[in-house]
């Protein structure tokens, strides 16, 4: 059993914008502080053997300039890597290309703050329909997996993870995540009615069983 309320409350979420050479981009930021040394968190986020224990199998050359592929998910190029502080990658899924930066900060010898920034095109159709929850709910799920790994919980294979996501507890987690991303969207200056409509569609997309 997972303490869904505790995990949702342990995470900070922020929505904003960022100017790139190609123009304005939308930014979704998620962060959590763990009771683990920065080297341990870095290893959990960059060691292929360990990543598969809390997320999904990853293949490729995990080094600057290398290509990576997450099984059944995104792939891309590792643009920058500065261990144990940060890495920056392209995030390519289908015909959509965005960028992800992961930053680690040692706040104490055995406490580390993880911050993930997902940067996407302002004209993204997914955003127009689902708002920040389109990627935010997914990142909440990924951060949850890392939390379980760092706390010493047994590894959960993809099938078990999918079963949990479809359970009542999993759907409650997705719903709470979507609601918190809606709050972050409104706090960033988004129209409240529009933000709530987007959030409702995002939550439904994550929690409605396939017909």
C-alpha atoms as a PDB file:
ATOM      1  CA  UNK A   1       0.000   0.000   0.000  1.00  0.00           C
ATOM      2  CA  UNK A   2       1.218   3.495  -0.890  1.00  0.00           C
ATOM      3  CA  UNK A   3       0.532   6.576   1.211  1.00  0.00           C
ATOM      4  CA  UNK A   4      -0.950   8.540  -1.671  1.00  0.00           C
ATOM      5  CA  UNK A   5      -1.800  11.663   0.329  1.00  0.00           C
ATOM      6  CA  UNK A   6       1.710  11.890   1.793  1.00  0.00           C
ATOM      7  CA  UNK A   7       3.377  11.508  -1.612  1.00  0.00           C
ATOM      8  CA  UNK A   8       1.155  14.084  -3.291  1.00  0.00           C
ATOM      9  CA  UNK A   9       1.854  16.559  -0.474  1.00  0.00           C
ATOM     10  CA  UNK A  10       5.620  15.904  -0.547  1.00  0.00           C
ATOM     11  CA  UNK A  11       5.873  17.183  -4.117  1.00  0.00           C
ATOM     12  CA  UNK A  12       6.062  20.809  -5.240  1.00  0.00           C
ATOM     13  CA  UNK A  13       4.679  21.800  -8.635  1.00  0.00           C
ATOM     14  CA  UNK A  14       5.117  24.923 -10.715  1.00  0.00           C
ATOM     15  CA  UNK A  15       3.849  26.053 -14.122  1.00  0.00           C
ATOM     16  CA  UNK A  16       5.422  28.845 -16.155  1.00  0.00           C
ATOM     17  CA  UNK A  17       6.998  29.907 -19.424  1.00  0.00           C
ATOM     18  CA  UNK A  18      10.508  30.099 -20.805  1.00  0.00           C
ATOM     19  CA  UNK A  19      11.914  31.851 -23.874  1.00  0.00           C
ATOM     20  CA  UNK A  20      13.869  29.679 -26.299  1.00  0.00           C
ATOM     21  CA  UNK A  21      15.495  30.475 -29.638  1.00  0.00           C
ATOM     22  CA  UNK A  22      12.437  28.979 -31.322  1.00  0.00           C
ATOM     23  CA  UNK A  23      10.088  31.188 -29.283  1.00  0.00           C
ATOM     24  CA  UNK A  24       8.018  30.946 -26.128  1.00  0.00           C
ATOM     25  CA  UNK A  25       7.764  27.600 -24.398  1.00  0.00           C
ATOM     26  CA  UNK A  26       5.613  26.288 -21.581  1.00  0.00           C
ATOM     27  CA  UNK A  27       7.349  24.909 -18.513  1.00  0.00           C
ATOM     28  CA  UNK A  28       6.190  22.319 -15.978  1.00  0.00           C
ATOM     29  CA  UNK A  29       8.422  21.885 -12.909  1.00  0.00           C
ATOM     30  CA  UNK A  30       8.128  19.143 -10.287  1.00  0.00           C
ATOM     31  CA  UNK A  31      10.398  18.725  -7.264  1.00  0.00           C
ATOM     32  CA  UNK A  32      10.774  16.610  -4.155  1.00  0.00           C
ATOM     33  CA  UNK A  33      13.365  16.308  -1.382  1.00  0.00           C
ATOM     34  CA  UNK A  34      14.584  12.815  -0.469  1.00  0.00           C
ATOM     35  CA  UNK A  35      16.354  11.377   2.558  1.00  0.00           C
ATOM     36  CA  UNK A  36      19.288  10.216   0.450  1.00  0.00           C
ATOM     37  CA  UNK A  37      22.747  11.471  -0.476  1.00  0.00           C
ATOM     38  CA  UNK A  38      23.045  13.297  -3.805  1.00  0.00           C
ATOM     39  CA  UNK A  39      25.295  10.539  -5.194  1.00  0.00           C
ATOM     40  CA  UNK A  40      22.598   7.949  -4.451  1.00  0.00           C
ATOM     41  CA  UNK A  41      19.861   9.977  -6.144  1.00  0.00           C
ATOM     42  CA  UNK A  42      22.133  10.636  -9.120  1.00  0.00           C
ATOM     43  CA  UNK A  43      22.818   6.917  -9.480  1.00  0.00           C
ATOM     44  CA  UNK A  44      19.099   6.130  -9.280  1.00  0.00           C
ATOM     45  CA  UNK A  45      18.409   8.608 -12.100  1.00  0.00           C
ATOM     46  CA  UNK A  46      21.299   7.713 -14.442  1.00  0.00           C
ATOM     47  CA  UNK A  47      22.157   4.033 -13.912  1.00  0.00           C
ATOM     48  CA  UNK A  48      20.229   1.982 -16.492  1.00  0.00           C
ATOM     49  CA  UNK A  49      20.075  -1.099 -14.274  1.00  0.00           C
ATOM     50  CA  UNK A  50      18.632   0.928 -11.433  1.00  0.00           C
ATOM     51  CA  UNK A  51      16.230   3.001 -13.550  1.00  0.00           C
ATOM     52  CA  UNK A  52      14.413  -0.164 -14.633  1.00  0.00           C
ATOM     53  CA  UNK A  53      13.684  -0.959 -10.960  1.00  0.00           C
ATOM     54  CA  UNK A  54      11.530   2.120 -10.435  1.00  0.00           C
ATOM     55  CA  UNK A  55      10.532   3.319 -13.914  1.00  0.00           C
ATOM     56  CA  UNK A  56      11.006   1.386 -17.169  1.00  0.00           C
ATOM     57  CA  UNK A  57      13.893  -0.327 -18.989  1.00  0.00           C
ATOM     58  CA  UNK A  58      16.155   2.164 -20.770  1.00  0.00           C
ATOM     59  CA  UNK A  59      18.643   1.444 -23.522  1.00  0.00           C
ATOM     60  CA  UNK A  60      21.213   3.359 -25.550  1.00  0.00           C
ATOM     61  CA  UNK A  61      24.382   5.278 -24.820  1.00  0.00           C
ATOM     62  CA  UNK A  62      23.826   7.076 -21.528  1.00  0.00           C
ATOM     63  CA  UNK A  63      26.492   9.724 -22.043  1.00  0.00           C
ATOM     64  CA  UNK A  64      26.662  13.229 -23.574  1.00  0.00           C
ATOM     65  CA  UNK A  65      25.736  13.052 -27.241  1.00  0.00           C
ATOM     66  CA  UNK A  66      24.294   9.565 -26.855  1.00  0.00           C
ATOM     67  CA  UNK A  67      20.779   8.469 -27.706  1.00  0.00           C
ATOM     68  CA  UNK A  68      18.516   6.834 -25.136  1.00  0.00           C
ATOM     69  CA  UNK A  69      15.192   5.031 -25.410  1.00  0.00           C
ATOM     70  CA  UNK A  70      12.788   4.325 -22.559  1.00  0.00           C
ATOM     71  CA  UNK A  71      10.841   1.173 -23.345  1.00  0.00           C
ATOM     72  CA  UNK A  72       7.318   2.075 -24.478  1.00  0.00           C
ATOM     73  CA  UNK A  73       7.906   5.736 -23.684  1.00  0.00           C
ATOM     74  CA  UNK A  74      10.097   8.647 -24.763  1.00  0.00           C
ATOM     75  CA  UNK A  75      13.569   8.639 -26.274  1.00  0.00           C
ATOM     76  CA  UNK A  76      16.001  11.351 -27.223  1.00  0.00           C
ATOM     77  CA  UNK A  77      19.513  12.746 -27.082  1.00  0.00           C
ATOM     78  CA  UNK A  78      21.556  13.485 -23.962  1.00  0.00           C
ATOM     79  CA  UNK A  79      22.556  17.089 -24.616  1.00  0.00           C
ATOM     80  CA  UNK A  80      24.405  17.798 -21.372  1.00  0.00           C
ATOM     81  CA  UNK A  81      25.485  15.889 -18.275  1.00  0.00           C
ATOM     82  CA  UNK A  82      27.148  17.396 -15.187  1.00  0.00           C
ATOM     83  CA  UNK A  83      27.330  14.690 -12.488  1.00  0.00           C
ATOM     84  CA  UNK A  84      26.046  14.686  -9.842  1.00  0.00           C
ATOM     85  CA  UNK A  85      24.212  17.969 -10.377  1.00  0.00           C
ATOM     86  CA  UNK A  86      22.238  17.960 -13.626  1.00  0.00           C
ATOM     87  CA  UNK A  87      21.531  16.569 -17.060  1.00  0.00           C
ATOM     88  CA  UNK A  88      19.579  17.916 -20.038  1.00  0.00           C
ATOM     89  CA  UNK A  89      17.921  15.753 -22.698  1.00  0.00           C
ATOM     90  CA  UNK A  90      15.531  15.982 -25.593  1.00  0.00           C
ATOM     91  CA  UNK A  91      12.244  14.203 -24.870  1.00  0.00           C
ATOM     92  CA  UNK A  92      10.871  12.728 -28.088  1.00  0.00           C
ATOM     93  CA  UNK A  93       7.539  10.917 -28.048  1.00  0.00           C
ATOM     94  CA  UNK A  94       5.748  10.196 -31.315  1.00  0.00           C
ATOM     95  CA  UNK A  95       6.059  13.350 -33.408  1.00  0.00           C
ATOM     96  CA  UNK A  96       6.360  15.597 -30.342  1.00  0.00           C
ATOM     97  CA  UNK A  97       9.752  16.961 -29.257  1.00  0.00           C
ATOM     98  CA  UNK A  98      10.296  18.711 -25.928  1.00  0.00           C
ATOM     99  CA  UNK A  99      13.166  19.024 -23.450  1.00  0.00           C
ATOM    100  CA  UNK A 100      13.783  17.842 -19.909  1.00  0.00           C
ATOM    101  CA  UNK A 101      16.328  19.127 -17.405  1.00  0.00           C
ATOM    102  CA  UNK A 102      16.955  17.235 -14.158  1.00  0.00           C
ATOM    103  CA  UNK A 103      18.705  19.099 -11.332  1.00  0.00           C
ATOM    104  CA  UNK A 104      19.955  17.719  -8.009  1.00  0.00           C
ATOM    105  CA  UNK A 105      20.893  19.808  -4.990  1.00  0.00           C
ATOM    106  CA  UNK A 106      22.445  18.442  -1.804  1.00  0.00           C
ATOM    107  CA  UNK A 107      20.568  20.259   0.983  1.00  0.00           C
ATOM    108  CA  UNK A 108      22.335  18.153   3.656  1.00  0.00           C
ATOM    109  CA  UNK A 109      24.790  15.218   3.593  1.00  0.00           C
ATOM    110  CA  UNK A 110      21.904  12.740   3.395  1.00  0.00           C
ATOM    111  CA  UNK A 111      19.157  14.905   1.889  1.00  0.00           C
ATOM    112  CA  UNK A 112      18.789  15.773  -1.791  1.00  0.00           C
ATOM    113  CA  UNK A 113      16.345  17.961  -3.662  1.00  0.00           C
ATOM    114  CA  UNK A 114      15.368  16.688  -7.109  1.00  0.00           C
ATOM    115  CA  UNK A 115      13.873  19.130  -9.600  1.00  0.00           C
ATOM    116  CA  UNK A 116      12.595  18.127 -13.045  1.00  0.00           C
ATOM    117  CA  UNK A 117      11.780  20.822 -15.594  1.00  0.00           C
ATOM    118  CA  UNK A 118       9.826  19.792 -18.712  1.00  0.00           C
ATOM    119  CA  UNK A 119       9.903  22.394 -21.487  1.00  0.00           C
ATOM    120  CA  UNK A 120       7.447  22.207 -24.394  1.00  0.00           C
ATOM    121  CA  UNK A 121       6.306  24.345 -27.310  1.00  0.00           C
ATOM    122  CA  UNK A 122       3.680  26.931 -26.373  1.00  0.00           C
ATOM    123  CA  UNK A 123       1.574  25.864 -29.368  1.00  0.00           C
ATOM    124  CA  UNK A 124       1.480  22.206 -28.271  1.00  0.00           C
ATOM    125  CA  UNK A 125      -1.978  20.740 -28.956  1.00  0.00           C
ATOM    126  CA  UNK A 126      -1.700  18.504 -25.882  1.00  0.00           C
ATOM    127  CA  UNK A 127      -1.413  21.584 -23.669  1.00  0.00           C
ATOM    128  CA  UNK A 128      -4.400  23.223 -25.336  1.00  0.00           C
ATOM    129  CA  UNK A 129      -6.532  20.204 -24.489  1.00  0.00           C
ATOM    130  CA  UNK A 130      -5.154  18.947 -21.173  1.00  0.00           C
ATOM    131  CA  UNK A 131      -3.019  21.753 -19.693  1.00  0.00           C
ATOM    132  CA  UNK A 132      -0.023  20.930 -17.470  1.00  0.00           C
ATOM    133  CA  UNK A 133      -1.624  17.680 -16.318  1.00  0.00           C
ATOM    134  CA  UNK A 134      -0.851  16.186 -19.744  1.00  0.00           C
ATOM    135  CA  UNK A 135       2.740  15.654 -18.630  1.00  0.00           C
ATOM    136  CA  UNK A 136       2.448  16.595 -14.970  1.00  0.00           C
ATOM    137  CA  UNK A 137       0.462  13.540 -13.893  1.00  0.00           C
ATOM    138  CA  UNK A 138       3.009  11.346 -15.636  1.00  0.00           C
ATOM    139  CA  UNK A 139       5.888  13.072 -13.863  1.00  0.00           C
ATOM    140  CA  UNK A 140       4.107  12.637 -10.526  1.00  0.00           C
ATOM    141  CA  UNK A 141       3.992   8.902 -11.235  1.00  0.00           C
ATOM    142  CA  UNK A 142       7.690   8.831 -12.136  1.00  0.00           C
ATOM    143  CA  UNK A 143       8.665  10.748  -8.986  1.00  0.00           C
ATOM    144  CA  UNK A 144       6.562   8.315  -6.944  1.00  0.00           C
ATOM    145  CA  UNK A 145       8.522   5.387  -8.404  1.00  0.00           C
ATOM    146  CA  UNK A 146      11.795   7.064  -7.483  1.00  0.00           C
ATOM    147  CA  UNK A 147      10.485   7.743  -3.959  1.00  0.00           C
ATOM    148  CA  UNK A 148       9.703   4.062  -3.473  1.00  0.00           C
ATOM    149  CA  UNK A 149      13.132   3.040  -4.764  1.00  0.00           C
ATOM    150  CA  UNK A 150      15.011   5.448  -2.516  1.00  0.00           C
ATOM    151  CA  UNK A 151      13.006   4.311   0.508  1.00  0.00           C
ATOM    152  CA  UNK A 152      14.079   0.709  -0.073  1.00  0.00           C
ATOM    153  CA  UNK A 153      10.749  -0.629  -1.335  1.00  0.00           C
ATOM    154  CA  UNK A 154      10.920  -3.721  -3.588  1.00  0.00           C
ATOM    155  CA  UNK A 155      11.114  -3.103  -7.327  1.00  0.00           C
ATOM    156  CA  UNK A 156       7.789  -3.027  -9.179  1.00  0.00           C
ATOM    157  CA  UNK A 157       7.812  -4.382 -12.719  1.00  0.00           C
ATOM    158  CA  UNK A 158       5.884  -2.539 -15.494  1.00  0.00           C
ATOM    159  CA  UNK A 159       2.938  -4.959 -15.306  1.00  0.00           C
ATOM    160  CA  UNK A 160       2.584  -4.405 -11.558  1.00  0.00           C
ATOM    161  CA  UNK A 161       2.865  -0.664 -12.082  1.00  0.00           C
ATOM    162  CA  UNK A 162       0.130  -0.703 -14.718  1.00  0.00           C
ATOM    163  CA  UNK A 163      -2.110  -2.764 -12.426  1.00  0.00           C
ATOM    164  CA  UNK A 164      -1.566  -0.321  -9.586  1.00  0.00           C
ATOM    165  CA  UNK A 165      -2.323   2.672 -11.835  1.00  0.00           C
ATOM    166  CA  UNK A 166      -5.657   1.038 -12.741  1.00  0.00           C
ATOM    167  CA  UNK A 167      -6.527   0.295  -9.107  1.00  0.00           C
ATOM    168  CA  UNK A 168      -8.687   2.516  -6.919  1.00  0.00           C
ATOM    169  CA  UNK A 169      -5.552   3.725  -5.097  1.00  0.00           C
ATOM    170  CA  UNK A 170      -3.799   4.472  -8.388  1.00  0.00           C
ATOM    171  CA  UNK A 171      -6.763   6.389  -9.790  1.00  0.00           C
ATOM    172  CA  UNK A 172      -6.967   8.413  -6.576  1.00  0.00           C
ATOM    173  CA  UNK A 173      -3.281   9.275  -6.953  1.00  0.00           C
ATOM    174  CA  UNK A 174      -3.798  10.429 -10.554  1.00  0.00           C
ATOM    175  CA  UNK A 175      -6.847  12.463  -9.570  1.00  0.00           C
ATOM    176  CA  UNK A 176      -5.066  14.236  -6.719  1.00  0.00           C
ATOM    177  CA  UNK A 177      -2.081  14.897  -8.978  1.00  0.00           C
ATOM    178  CA  UNK A 178      -4.308  16.413 -11.655  1.00  0.00           C
ATOM    179  CA  UNK A 179      -6.013  18.625  -9.086  1.00  0.00           C
ATOM    180  CA  UNK A 180      -2.665  19.896  -7.770  1.00  0.00           C
ATOM    181  CA  UNK A 181      -1.445  20.662 -11.293  1.00  0.00           C
ATOM    182  CA  UNK A 182      -4.656  22.597 -11.832  1.00  0.00           C
ATOM    183  CA  UNK A 183      -3.890  24.649  -8.716  1.00  0.00           C
ATOM    184  CA  UNK A 184      -0.367  25.320  -9.995  1.00  0.00           C
ATOM    185  CA  UNK A 185      -1.800  26.359 -13.364  1.00  0.00           C
ATOM    186  CA  UNK A 186      -4.175  28.842 -11.746  1.00  0.00           C
ATOM    187  CA  UNK A 187      -1.390  30.143  -9.474  1.00  0.00           C
ATOM    188  CA  UNK A 188       0.698  30.856 -12.588  1.00  0.00           C
ATOM    189  CA  UNK A 189      -2.001  33.186 -13.903  1.00  0.00           C
ATOM    190  CA  UNK A 190      -4.031  30.729 -15.955  1.00  0.00           C
ATOM    191  CA  UNK A 191      -7.760  31.333 -16.371  1.00  0.00           C
ATOM    192  CA  UNK A 192      -9.468  29.369 -13.583  1.00  0.00           C
ATOM    193  CA  UNK A 193     -12.393  28.027 -15.611  1.00  0.00           C
ATOM    194  CA  UNK A 194     -10.144  27.009 -18.483  1.00  0.00           C
ATOM    195  CA  UNK A 195      -7.599  25.429 -16.105  1.00  0.00           C
ATOM    196  CA  UNK A 196     -10.285  23.357 -14.385  1.00  0.00           C
ATOM    197  CA  UNK A 197     -11.691  22.172 -17.713  1.00  0.00           C
ATOM    198  CA  UNK A 198      -8.213  21.145 -18.884  1.00  0.00           C
ATOM    199  CA  UNK A 199      -7.585  19.381 -15.573  1.00  0.00           C
ATOM    200  CA  UNK A 200     -10.831  17.452 -15.804  1.00  0.00           C
ATOM    201  CA  UNK A 201      -9.914  16.183 -19.264  1.00  0.00           C
ATOM    202  CA  UNK A 202      -6.387  15.230 -18.126  1.00  0.00           C
ATOM    203  CA  UNK A 203      -7.657  13.326 -15.082  1.00  0.00           C
ATOM    204  CA  UNK A 204     -10.220  11.486 -17.213  1.00  0.00           C
ATOM    205  CA  UNK A 205      -7.528  10.536 -19.735  1.00  0.00           C
ATOM    206  CA  UNK A 206      -5.392   9.001 -16.983  1.00  0.00           C
ATOM    207  CA  UNK A 207      -8.135   7.330 -14.945  1.00  0.00           C
ATOM    208  CA  UNK A 208     -10.789   6.143 -17.420  1.00  0.00           C
ATOM    209  CA  UNK A 209     -10.335   2.424 -18.224  1.00  0.00           C
ATOM    210  CA  UNK A 210     -10.004   1.638 -21.947  1.00  0.00           C
ATOM    211  CA  UNK A 211     -13.280   0.523 -23.487  1.00  0.00           C
END
